[in-house]
């Protein structure tokens, strides 16, 4: 069971406790976002793409093992910027970093069960 989930003040370290043992994930650059997926006992971290490259989203189990590092679905995208996380929903909206010069950002649905991207659209 995950407890004491936190992002430190440098925004480079994410930690939590699992059955009394501390788990910590550290990054060189500030992370973009980290969320506890309570209903799945998982942690999702979106790292800076300049540090981790285009596959910058990581999903960890409660022990800290990386269970998913999904690949970008198209060369058009060079990473993930954020997740509009809603607890209890298997389908989540993520904002993608795109080479497109649009006035709007690109978004899509990310499935927390099979780790696939679908339903691409603009954020307007």
PDB file of N, CA and C in Angstrom:
ATOM      1  N   UNK A   1       0.836  -1.185   0.000  1.00  0.00           N
ATOM      2  CA  UNK A   1       0.000   0.000   0.000  1.00  0.00           C
ATOM      3  C   UNK A   1       0.883   1.252   0.000  1.00  0.00           C
ATOM      4  N   UNK A   2       0.546   2.198  -0.845  1.00  0.00           N
ATOM      5  CA  UNK A   2       1.305   3.442  -0.946  1.00  0.00           C
ATOM      6  C   UNK A   2       0.826   4.423   0.117  1.00  0.00           C
ATOM      7  N   UNK A   3       1.778   5.050   0.782  1.00  0.00           N
ATOM      8  CA  UNK A   3       1.443   6.105   1.743  1.00  0.00           C
ATOM      9  C   UNK A   3       2.510   7.191   1.661  1.00  0.00           C
ATOM     10  N   UNK A   4       2.193   8.360   2.200  1.00  0.00           N
ATOM     11  CA  UNK A   4       3.127   9.497   2.254  1.00  0.00           C
ATOM     12  C   UNK A   4       3.718   9.863   0.896  1.00  0.00           C
ATOM     13  N   UNK A   5       2.910   9.841  -0.138  1.00  0.00           N
ATOM     14  CA  UNK A   5       3.361  10.241  -1.480  1.00  0.00           C
ATOM     15  C   UNK A   5       3.712  11.721  -1.462  1.00  0.00           C
ATOM     16  N   UNK A   6       4.905  12.068  -1.957  1.00  0.00           N
ATOM     17  CA  UNK A   6       5.261  13.486  -1.990  1.00  0.00           C
ATOM     18  C   UNK A   6       6.303  13.776  -3.058  1.00  0.00           C
ATOM     19  N   UNK A   7       6.288  15.036  -3.484  1.00  0.00           N
ATOM     20  CA  UNK A   7       7.287  15.585  -4.390  1.00  0.00           C
ATOM     21  C   UNK A   7       8.069  16.592  -3.566  1.00  0.00           C
ATOM     22  N   UNK A   8       9.394  16.469  -3.517  1.00  0.00           N
ATOM     23  CA  UNK A   8      10.158  17.394  -2.670  1.00  0.00           C
ATOM     24  C   UNK A   8      10.182  18.797  -3.270  1.00  0.00           C
ATOM     25  N   UNK A   9      10.694  19.745  -2.509  1.00  0.00           N
ATOM     26  CA  UNK A   9      10.651  21.154  -2.913  1.00  0.00           C
ATOM     27  C   UNK A   9      11.497  21.449  -4.152  1.00  0.00           C
ATOM     28  N   UNK A  10      12.497  20.622  -4.440  1.00  0.00           N
ATOM     29  CA  UNK A  10      13.294  20.822  -5.664  1.00  0.00           C
ATOM     30  C   UNK A  10      12.526  20.377  -6.902  1.00  0.00           C
ATOM     31  N   UNK A  11      11.463  19.626  -6.698  1.00  0.00           N
ATOM     32  CA  UNK A  11      10.647  19.041  -7.767  1.00  0.00           C
ATOM     33  C   UNK A  11      11.452  18.079  -8.636  1.00  0.00           C
ATOM     34  N   UNK A  12      12.506  17.495  -8.062  1.00  0.00           N
ATOM     35  CA  UNK A  12      13.342  16.528  -8.771  1.00  0.00           C
ATOM     36  C   UNK A  12      13.260  15.133  -8.150  1.00  0.00           C
ATOM     37  N   UNK A  13      12.623  15.027  -6.996  1.00  0.00           N
ATOM     38  CA  UNK A  13      12.530  13.758  -6.280  1.00  0.00           C
ATOM     39  C   UNK A  13      11.084  13.469  -5.901  1.00  0.00           C
ATOM     40  N   UNK A  14      10.653  12.250  -6.175  1.00  0.00           N
ATOM     41  CA  UNK A  14       9.320  11.792  -5.822  1.00  0.00           C
ATOM     42  C   UNK A  14       9.509  10.600  -4.904  1.00  0.00           C
ATOM     43  N   UNK A  15       8.779  10.596  -3.788  1.00  0.00           N
ATOM     44  CA  UNK A  15       8.940   9.484  -2.854  1.00  0.00           C
ATOM     45  C   UNK A  15       7.597   9.060  -2.279  1.00  0.00           C
ATOM     46  N   UNK A  16       7.578   7.844  -1.781  1.00  0.00           N
ATOM     47  CA  UNK A  16       6.410   7.296  -1.099  1.00  0.00           C
ATOM     48  C   UNK A  16       6.866   6.118  -0.249  1.00  0.00           C
ATOM     49  N   UNK A  17       6.007   5.690   0.626  1.00  0.00           N
ATOM     50  CA  UNK A  17       6.267   4.514   1.442  1.00  0.00           C
ATOM     51  C   UNK A  17       5.423   3.362   0.928  1.00  0.00           C
ATOM     52  N   UNK A  18       6.027   2.180   0.908  1.00  0.00           N
ATOM     53  CA  UNK A  18       5.327   0.945   0.583  1.00  0.00           C
ATOM     54  C   UNK A  18       5.612  -0.052   1.697  1.00  0.00           C
ATOM     55  N   UNK A  19       4.596  -0.366   2.462  1.00  0.00           N
ATOM     56  CA  UNK A  19       4.743  -1.293   3.594  1.00  0.00           C
ATOM     57  C   UNK A  19       5.901  -0.900   4.507  1.00  0.00           C
ATOM     58  N   UNK A  20       6.018   0.392   4.799  1.00  0.00           N
ATOM     59  CA  UNK A  20       7.025   0.889   5.734  1.00  0.00           C
ATOM     60  C   UNK A  20       8.387   1.165   5.132  1.00  0.00           C
ATOM     61  N   UNK A  21       8.600   0.804   3.862  1.00  0.00           N
ATOM     62  CA  UNK A  21       9.882   1.052   3.204  1.00  0.00           C
ATOM     63  C   UNK A  21       9.744   2.240   2.262  1.00  0.00           C
ATOM     64  N   UNK A  22      10.752   3.122   2.279  1.00  0.00           N
ATOM     65  CA  UNK A  22      10.682   4.303   1.419  1.00  0.00           C
ATOM     66  C   UNK A  22      11.126   3.946  -0.001  1.00  0.00           C
ATOM     67  N   UNK A  23      10.413   4.495  -0.962  1.00  0.00           N
ATOM     68  CA  UNK A  23      10.743   4.360  -2.377  1.00  0.00           C
ATOM     69  C   UNK A  23      10.965   5.778  -2.891  1.00  0.00           C
ATOM     70  N   UNK A  24      12.063   5.998  -3.623  1.00  0.00           N
ATOM     71  CA  UNK A  24      12.364   7.336  -4.131  1.00  0.00           C
ATOM     72  C   UNK A  24      12.801   7.245  -5.583  1.00  0.00           C
ATOM     73  N   UNK A  25      12.269   8.136  -6.397  1.00  0.00           N
ATOM     74  CA  UNK A  25      12.661   8.264  -7.795  1.00  0.00           C
ATOM     75  C   UNK A  25      13.236   9.663  -7.964  1.00  0.00           C
ATOM     76  N   UNK A  26      14.465   9.744  -8.468  1.00  0.00           N
ATOM     77  CA  UNK A  26      15.168  11.027  -8.592  1.00  0.00           C
ATOM     78  C   UNK A  26      15.461  11.344 -10.048  1.00  0.00           C
ATOM     79  N   UNK A  27      15.429  12.636 -10.356  1.00  0.00           N
ATOM     80  CA  UNK A  27      15.650  13.114 -11.713  1.00  0.00           C
ATOM     81  C   UNK A  27      16.629  14.279 -11.672  1.00  0.00           C
ATOM     82  N   UNK A  28      17.327  14.510 -12.776  1.00  0.00           N
ATOM     83  CA  UNK A  28      18.279  15.619 -12.875  1.00  0.00           C
ATOM     84  C   UNK A  28      17.556  16.956 -13.023  1.00  0.00           C
ATOM     85  N   UNK A  29      16.469  16.961 -13.774  1.00  0.00           N
ATOM     86  CA  UNK A  29      15.693  18.181 -14.009  1.00  0.00           C
ATOM     87  C   UNK A  29      14.367  18.085 -13.251  1.00  0.00           C
ATOM     88  N   UNK A  30      13.717  19.216 -13.056  1.00  0.00           N
ATOM     89  CA  UNK A  30      12.400  19.224 -12.425  1.00  0.00           C
ATOM     90  C   UNK A  30      11.442  18.383 -13.250  1.00  0.00           C
ATOM     91  N   UNK A  31      10.637  17.604 -12.567  1.00  0.00           N
ATOM     92  CA  UNK A  31       9.637  16.819 -13.275  1.00  0.00           C
ATOM     93  C   UNK A  31       8.480  17.721 -13.681  1.00  0.00           C
ATOM     94  N   UNK A  32       7.739  17.317 -14.696  1.00  0.00           N
ATOM     95  CA  UNK A  32       6.565  18.079 -15.110  1.00  0.00           C
ATOM     96  C   UNK A  32       5.386  17.808 -14.184  1.00  0.00           C
ATOM     97  N   UNK A  33       5.210  16.533 -13.760  1.00  0.00           N
ATOM     98  CA  UNK A  33       4.055  16.179 -12.933  1.00  0.00           C
ATOM     99  C   UNK A  33       4.248  14.784 -12.352  1.00  0.00           C
ATOM    100  N   UNK A  34       3.662  14.564 -11.194  1.00  0.00           N
ATOM    101  CA  UNK A  34       3.616  13.225 -10.594  1.00  0.00           C
ATOM    102  C   UNK A  34       2.277  13.077  -9.886  1.00  0.00           C
ATOM    103  N   UNK A  35       1.643  11.920 -10.048  1.00  0.00           N
ATOM    104  CA  UNK A  35       0.360  11.664  -9.400  1.00  0.00           C
ATOM    105  C   UNK A  35       0.346  10.256  -8.829  1.00  0.00           C
ATOM    106  N   UNK A  36      -0.346  10.127  -7.721  1.00  0.00           N
ATOM    107  CA  UNK A  36      -0.594   8.808  -7.155  1.00  0.00           C
ATOM    108  C   UNK A  36      -1.897   8.294  -7.738  1.00  0.00           C
ATOM    109  N   UNK A  37      -1.828   7.141  -8.363  1.00  0.00           N
ATOM    110  CA  UNK A  37      -3.016   6.490  -8.909  1.00  0.00           C
ATOM    111  C   UNK A  37      -3.496   5.524  -7.825  1.00  0.00           C
ATOM    112  N   UNK A  38      -4.259   6.064  -6.901  1.00  0.00           N
ATOM    113  CA  UNK A  38      -4.636   5.335  -5.694  1.00  0.00           C
ATOM    114  C   UNK A  38      -5.352   4.030  -5.994  1.00  0.00           C
ATOM    115  N   UNK A  39      -6.313   4.069  -6.905  1.00  0.00           N
ATOM    116  CA  UNK A  39      -7.132   2.876  -7.139  1.00  0.00           C
ATOM    117  C   UNK A  39      -6.365   1.733  -7.804  1.00  0.00           C
ATOM    118  N   UNK A  40      -5.167   2.013  -8.339  1.00  0.00           N
ATOM    119  CA  UNK A  40      -4.315   0.968  -8.922  1.00  0.00           C
ATOM    120  C   UNK A  40      -3.037   0.737  -8.107  1.00  0.00           C
ATOM    121  N   UNK A  41      -2.843   1.502  -7.031  1.00  0.00           N
ATOM    122  CA  UNK A  41      -1.606   1.455  -6.232  1.00  0.00           C
ATOM    123  C   UNK A  41      -0.376   1.652  -7.120  1.00  0.00           C
ATOM    124  N   UNK A  42      -0.421   2.730  -7.903  1.00  0.00           N
ATOM    125  CA  UNK A  42       0.668   3.052  -8.811  1.00  0.00           C
ATOM    126  C   UNK A  42       1.006   4.542  -8.716  1.00  0.00           C
ATOM    127  N   UNK A  43       2.186   4.881  -9.213  1.00  0.00           N
ATOM    128  CA  UNK A  43       2.644   6.267  -9.302  1.00  0.00           C
ATOM    129  C   UNK A  43       2.955   6.555 -10.766  1.00  0.00           C
ATOM    130  N   UNK A  44       2.466   7.689 -11.260  1.00  0.00           N
ATOM    131  CA  UNK A  44       2.740   8.117 -12.627  1.00  0.00           C
ATOM    132  C   UNK A  44       3.590   9.382 -12.556  1.00  0.00           C
ATOM    133  N   UNK A  45       4.717   9.365 -13.242  1.00  0.00           N
ATOM    134  CA  UNK A  45       5.622  10.519 -13.263  1.00  0.00           C
ATOM    135  C   UNK A  45       5.855  10.933 -14.710  1.00  0.00           C
ATOM    136  N   UNK A  46       5.685  12.235 -14.958  1.00  0.00           N
ATOM    137  CA  UNK A  46       6.028  12.803 -16.262  1.00  0.00           C
ATOM    138  C   UNK A  46       7.304  13.606 -16.060  1.00  0.00           C
ATOM    139  N   UNK A  47       8.396  13.068 -16.581  1.00  0.00           N
ATOM    140  CA  UNK A  47       9.707  13.708 -16.446  1.00  0.00           C
ATOM    141  C   UNK A  47       9.885  14.747 -17.554  1.00  0.00           C
ATOM    142  N   UNK A  48      10.891  15.576 -17.410  1.00  0.00           N
ATOM    143  CA  UNK A  48      11.223  16.561 -18.438  1.00  0.00           C
ATOM    144  C   UNK A  48      11.745  15.815 -19.667  1.00  0.00           C
ATOM    145  N   UNK A  49      11.170  16.067 -20.832  1.00  0.00           N
ATOM    146  CA  UNK A  49      11.584  15.387 -22.062  1.00  0.00           C
ATOM    147  C   UNK A  49      13.043  15.693 -22.403  1.00  0.00           C
ATOM    148  N   UNK A  50      13.568  16.837 -21.941  1.00  0.00           N
ATOM    149  CA  UNK A  50      14.964  17.173 -22.230  1.00  0.00           C
ATOM    150  C   UNK A  50      15.926  16.277 -21.455  1.00  0.00           C
ATOM    151  N   UNK A  51      15.427  15.636 -20.410  1.00  0.00           N
ATOM    152  CA  UNK A  51      16.241  14.673 -19.653  1.00  0.00           C
ATOM    153  C   UNK A  51      15.991  13.252 -20.124  1.00  0.00           C
ATOM    154  N   UNK A  52      14.736  12.885 -20.317  1.00  0.00           N
ATOM    155  CA  UNK A  52      14.388  11.485 -20.586  1.00  0.00           C
ATOM    156  C   UNK A  52      13.998  11.197 -22.029  1.00  0.00           C
ATOM    157  N   UNK A  53      13.954  12.232 -22.870  1.00  0.00           N
ATOM    158  CA  UNK A  53      13.580  12.003 -24.260  1.00  0.00           C
ATOM    159  C   UNK A  53      12.076  11.975 -24.441  1.00  0.00           C
ATOM    160  N   UNK A  54      11.661  11.565 -25.625  1.00  0.00           N
ATOM    161  CA  UNK A  54      10.238  11.650 -25.961  1.00  0.00           C
ATOM    162  C   UNK A  54       9.363  10.679 -25.167  1.00  0.00           C
ATOM    163  N   UNK A  55       9.904   9.599 -24.676  1.00  0.00           N
ATOM    164  CA  UNK A  55       9.139   8.650 -23.861  1.00  0.00           C
ATOM    165  C   UNK A  55       9.335   9.013 -22.386  1.00  0.00           C
ATOM    166  N   UNK A  56       8.754  10.157 -22.005  1.00  0.00           N
ATOM    167  CA  UNK A  56       9.046  10.761 -20.699  1.00  0.00           C
ATOM    168  C   UNK A  56       7.990  10.493 -19.626  1.00  0.00           C
ATOM    169  N   UNK A  57       7.060   9.571 -19.879  1.00  0.00           N
ATOM    170  CA  UNK A  57       6.074   9.209 -18.858  1.00  0.00           C
ATOM    171  C   UNK A  57       6.396   7.807 -18.333  1.00  0.00           C
ATOM    172  N   UNK A  58       6.401   7.694 -17.002  1.00  0.00           N
ATOM    173  CA  UNK A  58       6.736   6.430 -16.355  1.00  0.00           C
ATOM    174  C   UNK A  58       5.636   6.071 -15.364  1.00  0.00           C
ATOM    175  N   UNK A  59       5.268   4.809 -15.339  1.00  0.00           N
ATOM    176  CA  UNK A  59       4.306   4.322 -14.356  1.00  0.00           C
ATOM    177  C   UNK A  59       5.012   3.269 -13.517  1.00  0.00           C
ATOM    178  N   UNK A  60       4.979   3.486 -12.202  1.00  0.00           N
ATOM    179  CA  UNK A  60       5.654   2.603 -11.255  1.00  0.00           C
ATOM    180  C   UNK A  60       4.634   1.873 -10.396  1.00  0.00           C
ATOM    181  N   UNK A  61       4.955   0.631 -10.049  1.00  0.00           N
ATOM    182  CA  UNK A  61       4.113  -0.065  -9.074  1.00  0.00           C
ATOM    183  C   UNK A  61       4.489   0.418  -7.679  1.00  0.00           C
ATOM    184  N   UNK A  62       3.797  -0.061  -6.675  1.00  0.00           N
ATOM    185  CA  UNK A  62       4.006   0.434  -5.309  1.00  0.00           C
ATOM    186  C   UNK A  62       5.410   0.150  -4.783  1.00  0.00           C
ATOM    187  N   UNK A  63       6.092  -0.861  -5.342  1.00  0.00           N
ATOM    188  CA  UNK A  63       7.455  -1.193  -4.924  1.00  0.00           C
ATOM    189  C   UNK A  63       8.508  -0.323  -5.603  1.00  0.00           C
ATOM    190  N   UNK A  64       8.084   0.446  -6.631  1.00  0.00           N
ATOM    191  CA  UNK A  64       9.014   1.315  -7.346  1.00  0.00           C
ATOM    192  C   UNK A  64       9.526   0.739  -8.646  1.00  0.00           C
ATOM    193  N   UNK A  65       9.000  -0.421  -9.051  1.00  0.00           N
ATOM    194  CA  UNK A  65       9.395  -1.007 -10.329  1.00  0.00           C
ATOM    195  C   UNK A  65       8.638  -0.323 -11.463  1.00  0.00           C
ATOM    196  N   UNK A  66       9.339   0.036 -12.529  1.00  0.00           N
ATOM    197  CA  UNK A  66       8.699   0.677 -13.684  1.00  0.00           C
ATOM    198  C   UNK A  66       7.904  -0.384 -14.439  1.00  0.00           C
ATOM    199  N   UNK A  67       6.593  -0.190 -14.500  1.00  0.00           N
ATOM    200  CA  UNK A  67       5.741  -1.161 -15.192  1.00  0.00           C
ATOM    201  C   UNK A  67       5.341  -0.671 -16.583  1.00  0.00           C
ATOM    202  N   UNK A  68       5.584   0.609 -16.869  1.00  0.00           N
ATOM    203  CA  UNK A  68       5.292   1.125 -18.199  1.00  0.00           C
ATOM    204  C   UNK A  68       6.070   2.407 -18.455  1.00  0.00           C
ATOM    205  N   UNK A  69       6.589   2.505 -19.675  1.00  0.00           N
ATOM    206  CA  UNK A  69       7.241   3.708 -20.205  1.00  0.00           C
ATOM    207  C   UNK A  69       6.798   3.798 -21.663  1.00  0.00           C
ATOM    208  N   UNK A  70       5.520   4.188 -21.860  1.00  0.00           N
ATOM    209  CA  UNK A  70       4.936   4.085 -23.204  1.00  0.00           C
ATOM    210  C   UNK A  70       5.636   4.950 -24.243  1.00  0.00           C
ATOM    211  N   UNK A  71       5.740   4.398 -25.444  1.00  0.00           N
ATOM    212  CA  UNK A  71       6.328   5.106 -26.576  1.00  0.00           C
ATOM    213  C   UNK A  71       5.323   6.087 -27.152  1.00  0.00           C
ATOM    214  N   UNK A  72       5.834   7.196 -27.668  1.00  0.00           N
ATOM    215  CA  UNK A  72       4.970   8.169 -28.325  1.00  0.00           C
ATOM    216  C   UNK A  72       4.334   7.503 -29.549  1.00  0.00           C
ATOM    217  N   UNK A  73       3.061   7.773 -29.766  1.00  0.00           N
ATOM    218  CA  UNK A  73       2.331   7.096 -30.843  1.00  0.00           C
ATOM    219  C   UNK A  73       2.642   7.614 -32.247  1.00  0.00           C
ATOM    220  N   UNK A  74       3.376   8.721 -32.347  1.00  0.00           N
ATOM    221  CA  UNK A  74       3.655   9.323 -33.648  1.00  0.00           C
ATOM    222  C   UNK A  74       4.915  10.182 -33.541  1.00  0.00           C
ATOM    223  N   UNK A  75       5.678  10.285 -34.643  1.00  0.00           N
ATOM    224  CA  UNK A  75       6.860  11.156 -34.640  1.00  0.00           C
ATOM    225  C   UNK A  75       6.504  12.635 -34.449  1.00  0.00           C
ATOM    226  N   UNK A  76       5.234  12.977 -34.635  1.00  0.00           N
ATOM    227  CA  UNK A  76       4.767  14.350 -34.446  1.00  0.00           C
ATOM    228  C   UNK A  76       4.950  14.810 -32.999  1.00  0.00           C
ATOM    229  N   UNK A  77       4.945  13.865 -32.068  1.00  0.00           N
ATOM    230  CA  UNK A  77       5.011  14.192 -30.639  1.00  0.00           C
ATOM    231  C   UNK A  77       6.393  13.919 -30.081  1.00  0.00           C
ATOM    232  N   UNK A  78       6.860  14.837 -29.226  1.00  0.00           N
ATOM    233  CA  UNK A  78       8.176  14.644 -28.624  1.00  0.00           C
ATOM    234  C   UNK A  78       8.105  14.514 -27.110  1.00  0.00           C
ATOM    235  N   UNK A  79       6.944  14.160 -26.597  1.00  0.00           N
ATOM    236  CA  UNK A  79       6.801  13.899 -25.176  1.00  0.00           C
ATOM    237  C   UNK A  79       5.412  14.233 -24.673  1.00  0.00           C
ATOM    238  N   UNK A  80       5.260  14.069 -23.376  1.00  0.00           N
ATOM    239  CA  UNK A  80       4.006  14.384 -22.690  1.00  0.00           C
ATOM    240  C   UNK A  80       4.263  15.553 -21.763  1.00  0.00           C
ATOM    241  N   UNK A  81       3.326  16.493 -21.739  1.00  0.00           N
ATOM    242  CA  UNK A  81       3.461  17.664 -20.890  1.00  0.00           C
ATOM    243  C   UNK A  81       2.733  17.487 -19.559  1.00  0.00           C
ATOM    244  N   UNK A  82       1.508  16.942 -19.604  1.00  0.00           N
ATOM    245  CA  UNK A  82       0.759  16.779 -18.353  1.00  0.00           C
ATOM    246  C   UNK A  82      -0.365  15.773 -18.530  1.00  0.00           C
ATOM    247  N   UNK A  83      -0.942  15.416 -17.394  1.00  0.00           N
ATOM    248  CA  UNK A  83      -2.115  14.552 -17.363  1.00  0.00           C
ATOM    249  C   UNK A  83      -3.201  15.290 -16.593  1.00  0.00           C
ATOM    250  N   UNK A  84      -4.413  15.270 -17.119  1.00  0.00           N
ATOM    251  CA  UNK A  84      -5.558  15.838 -16.405  1.00  0.00           C
ATOM    252  C   UNK A  84      -6.150  14.696 -15.593  1.00  0.00           C
ATOM    253  N   UNK A  85      -5.521  14.390 -14.482  1.00  0.00           N
ATOM    254  CA  UNK A  85      -5.825  13.164 -13.739  1.00  0.00           C
ATOM    255  C   UNK A  85      -7.144  13.256 -12.970  1.00  0.00           C
ATOM    256  N   UNK A  86      -7.955  12.217 -13.140  1.00  0.00           N
ATOM    257  CA  UNK A  86      -9.200  12.051 -12.382  1.00  0.00           C
ATOM    258  C   UNK A  86      -9.162  10.690 -11.709  1.00  0.00           C
ATOM    259  N   UNK A  87      -9.131  10.675 -10.389  1.00  0.00           N
ATOM    260  CA  UNK A  87      -9.033   9.436  -9.619  1.00  0.00           C
ATOM    261  C   UNK A  87     -10.194   8.500  -9.969  1.00  0.00           C
ATOM    262  N   UNK A  88      -9.864   7.239 -10.137  1.00  0.00           N
ATOM    263  CA  UNK A  88     -10.866   6.215 -10.393  1.00  0.00           C
ATOM    264  C   UNK A  88     -11.185   5.994 -11.860  1.00  0.00           C
ATOM    265  N   UNK A  89     -10.660   6.853 -12.745  1.00  0.00           N
ATOM    266  CA  UNK A  89     -10.923   6.701 -14.182  1.00  0.00           C
ATOM    267  C   UNK A  89      -9.787   5.931 -14.843  1.00  0.00           C
ATOM    268  N   UNK A  90     -10.122   4.887 -15.562  1.00  0.00           N
ATOM    269  CA  UNK A  90      -9.112   4.124 -16.291  1.00  0.00           C
ATOM    270  C   UNK A  90      -8.627   4.902 -17.514  1.00  0.00           C
ATOM    271  N   UNK A  91      -9.497   5.752 -18.081  1.00  0.00           N
ATOM    272  CA  UNK A  91      -9.134   6.564 -19.244  1.00  0.00           C
ATOM    273  C   UNK A  91      -8.838   7.984 -18.792  1.00  0.00           C
ATOM    274  N   UNK A  92      -7.633   8.456 -19.086  1.00  0.00           N
ATOM    275  CA  UNK A  92      -7.163   9.766 -18.642  1.00  0.00           C
ATOM    276  C   UNK A  92      -6.770  10.614 -19.844  1.00  0.00           C
ATOM    277  N   UNK A  93      -6.937  11.917 -19.733  1.00  0.00           N
ATOM    278  CA  UNK A  93      -6.519  12.837 -20.785  1.00  0.00           C
ATOM    279  C   UNK A  93      -5.086  13.288 -20.518  1.00  0.00           C
ATOM    280  N   UNK A  94      -4.247  13.187 -21.549  1.00  0.00           N
ATOM    281  CA  UNK A  94      -2.871  13.686 -21.448  1.00  0.00           C
ATOM    282  C   UNK A  94      -2.650  14.753 -22.511  1.00  0.00           C
ATOM    283  N   UNK A  95      -1.811  15.726 -22.171  1.00  0.00           N
ATOM    284  CA  UNK A  95      -1.432  16.792 -23.090  1.00  0.00           C
ATOM    285  C   UNK A  95      -0.072  16.430 -23.675  1.00  0.00           C
ATOM    286  N   UNK A  96       0.010  16.458 -24.995  1.00  0.00           N
ATOM    287  CA  UNK A  96       1.209  16.029 -25.704  1.00  0.00           C
ATOM    288  C   UNK A  96       2.044  17.228 -26.146  1.00  0.00           C
ATOM    289  N   UNK A  97       3.339  17.046 -26.189  1.00  0.00           N
ATOM    290  CA  UNK A  97       4.248  18.043 -26.750  1.00  0.00           C
ATOM    291  C   UNK A  97       4.352  17.748 -28.237  1.00  0.00           C
ATOM    292  N   UNK A  98       4.011  18.734 -29.060  1.00  0.00           N
ATOM    293  CA  UNK A  98       3.907  18.511 -30.497  1.00  0.00           C
ATOM    294  C   UNK A  98       4.755  19.510 -31.272  1.00  0.00           C
ATOM    295  N   UNK A  99       5.225  19.070 -32.428  1.00  0.00           N
ATOM    296  CA  UNK A  99       5.964  19.951 -33.339  1.00  0.00           C
ATOM    297  C   UNK A  99       5.022  20.828 -34.152  1.00  0.00           C
ATOM    298  N   UNK A 100       3.736  20.607 -34.038  1.00  0.00           N
ATOM    299  CA  UNK A 100       2.728  21.356 -34.780  1.00  0.00           C
ATOM    300  C   UNK A 100       2.706  22.810 -34.303  1.00  0.00           C
ATOM    301  N   UNK A 101       2.612  23.746 -35.225  1.00  0.00           N
ATOM    302  CA  UNK A 101       2.580  25.162 -34.870  1.00  0.00           C
ATOM    303  C   UNK A 101       1.159  25.677 -34.699  1.00  0.00           C
ATOM    304  N   UNK A 102       0.318  24.915 -34.079  1.00  0.00           N
ATOM    305  CA  UNK A 102      -1.079  25.288 -33.879  1.00  0.00           C
ATOM    306  C   UNK A 102      -1.205  26.226 -32.678  1.00  0.00           C
ATOM    307  N   UNK A 103      -2.302  26.974 -32.635  1.00  0.00           N
ATOM    308  CA  UNK A 103      -2.587  27.818 -31.475  1.00  0.00           C
ATOM    309  C   UNK A 103      -3.075  26.992 -30.289  1.00  0.00           C
ATOM    310  N   UNK A 104      -3.337  25.712 -30.521  1.00  0.00           N
ATOM    311  CA  UNK A 104      -3.849  24.828 -29.480  1.00  0.00           C
ATOM    312  C   UNK A 104      -2.873  23.684 -29.259  1.00  0.00           C
ATOM    313  N   UNK A 105      -2.907  23.140 -28.048  1.00  0.00           N
ATOM    314  CA  UNK A 105      -2.102  21.962 -27.764  1.00  0.00           C
ATOM    315  C   UNK A 105      -2.858  20.717 -28.218  1.00  0.00           C
ATOM    316  N   UNK A 106      -2.128  19.624 -28.362  1.00  0.00           N
ATOM    317  CA  UNK A 106      -2.745  18.346 -28.719  1.00  0.00           C
ATOM    318  C   UNK A 106      -2.970  17.550 -27.444  1.00  0.00           C
ATOM    319  N   UNK A 107      -4.081  16.824 -27.421  1.00  0.00           N
ATOM    320  CA  UNK A 107      -4.396  15.969 -26.286  1.00  0.00           C
ATOM    321  C   UNK A 107      -4.828  14.615 -26.815  1.00  0.00           C
ATOM    322  N   UNK A 108      -4.871  13.649 -25.929  1.00  0.00           N
ATOM    323  CA  UNK A 108      -5.389  12.338 -26.288  1.00  0.00           C
ATOM    324  C   UNK A 108      -5.810  11.615 -25.014  1.00  0.00           C
ATOM    325  N   UNK A 109      -6.396  10.467 -25.206  1.00  0.00           N
ATOM    326  CA  UNK A 109      -6.795   9.614 -24.085  1.00  0.00           C
ATOM    327  C   UNK A 109      -5.684   8.594 -23.856  1.00  0.00           C
ATOM    328  N   UNK A 110      -5.315   8.420 -22.595  1.00  0.00           N
ATOM    329  CA  UNK A 110      -4.336   7.399 -22.213  1.00  0.00           C
ATOM    330  C   UNK A 110      -5.033   6.382 -21.327  1.00  0.00           C
ATOM    331  N   UNK A 111      -4.921   5.113 -21.697  1.00  0.00           N
ATOM    332  CA  UNK A 111      -5.564   4.028 -20.962  1.00  0.00           C
ATOM    333  C   UNK A 111      -4.596   3.493 -19.904  1.00  0.00           C
ATOM    334  N   UNK A 112      -4.973   3.615 -18.637  1.00  0.00           N
ATOM    335  CA  UNK A 112      -4.104   3.173 -17.538  1.00  0.00           C
ATOM    336  C   UNK A 112      -4.007   1.657 -17.425  1.00  0.00           C
ATOM    337  N   UNK A 113      -4.887   0.945 -18.117  1.00  0.00           N
ATOM    338  CA  UNK A 113      -4.859  -0.521 -18.061  1.00  0.00           C
ATOM    339  C   UNK A 113      -3.919  -1.110 -19.110  1.00  0.00           C
ATOM    340  N   UNK A 114      -4.056  -0.675 -20.369  1.00  0.00           N
ATOM    341  CA  UNK A 114      -3.218  -1.254 -21.426  1.00  0.00           C
ATOM    342  C   UNK A 114      -2.120  -0.298 -21.904  1.00  0.00           C
ATOM    343  N   UNK A 115      -2.082   0.920 -21.346  1.00  0.00           N
ATOM    344  CA  UNK A 115      -1.040   1.920 -21.614  1.00  0.00           C
ATOM    345  C   UNK A 115      -0.988   2.354 -23.081  1.00  0.00           C
ATOM    346  N   UNK A 116      -2.165   2.415 -23.711  1.00  0.00           N
ATOM    347  CA  UNK A 116      -2.274   2.858 -25.100  1.00  0.00           C
ATOM    348  C   UNK A 116      -2.841   4.270 -25.180  1.00  0.00           C
ATOM    349  N   UNK A 117      -2.473   4.975 -26.249  1.00  0.00           N
ATOM    350  CA  UNK A 117      -2.979   6.305 -26.555  1.00  0.00           C
ATOM    351  C   UNK A 117      -4.066   6.189 -27.619  1.00  0.00           C
ATOM    352  N   UNK A 118      -5.107   7.040 -27.523  1.00  0.00           N
ATOM    353  CA  UNK A 118      -6.167   7.041 -28.536  1.00  0.00           C
ATOM    354  C   UNK A 118      -6.885   8.395 -28.526  1.00  0.00           C
ATOM    355  N   UNK A 119      -7.783   8.594 -29.463  1.00  0.00           N
ATOM    356  CA  UNK A 119      -8.653   9.761 -29.532  1.00  0.00           C
ATOM    357  C   UNK A 119      -7.881  11.091 -29.476  1.00  0.00           C
ATOM    358  N   UNK A 120      -7.060  11.327 -30.462  1.00  0.00           N
ATOM    359  CA  UNK A 120      -6.249  12.545 -30.537  1.00  0.00           C
ATOM    360  C   UNK A 120      -7.101  13.731 -30.991  1.00  0.00           C
ATOM    361  N   UNK A 121      -6.872  14.881 -30.380  1.00  0.00           N
ATOM    362  CA  UNK A 121      -7.613  16.087 -30.752  1.00  0.00           C
ATOM    363  C   UNK A 121      -6.876  17.317 -30.239  1.00  0.00           C
ATOM    364  N   UNK A 122      -7.407  18.501 -30.585  1.00  0.00           N
ATOM    365  CA  UNK A 122      -6.865  19.760 -30.079  1.00  0.00           C
ATOM    366  C   UNK A 122      -7.529  20.099 -28.745  1.00  0.00           C
ATOM    367  N   UNK A 123      -6.884  20.912 -27.927  1.00  0.00           N
ATOM    368  CA  UNK A 123      -7.416  21.250 -26.607  1.00  0.00           C
ATOM    369  C   UNK A 123      -8.394  22.402 -26.620  1.00  0.00           C
ATOM    370  N   UNK A 124      -8.872  22.801 -27.782  1.00  0.00           N
ATOM    371  CA  UNK A 124      -9.790  23.953 -27.843  1.00  0.00           C
ATOM    372  C   UNK A 124     -11.158  23.643 -27.294  1.00  0.00           C
TER     373      UNK A 124
END
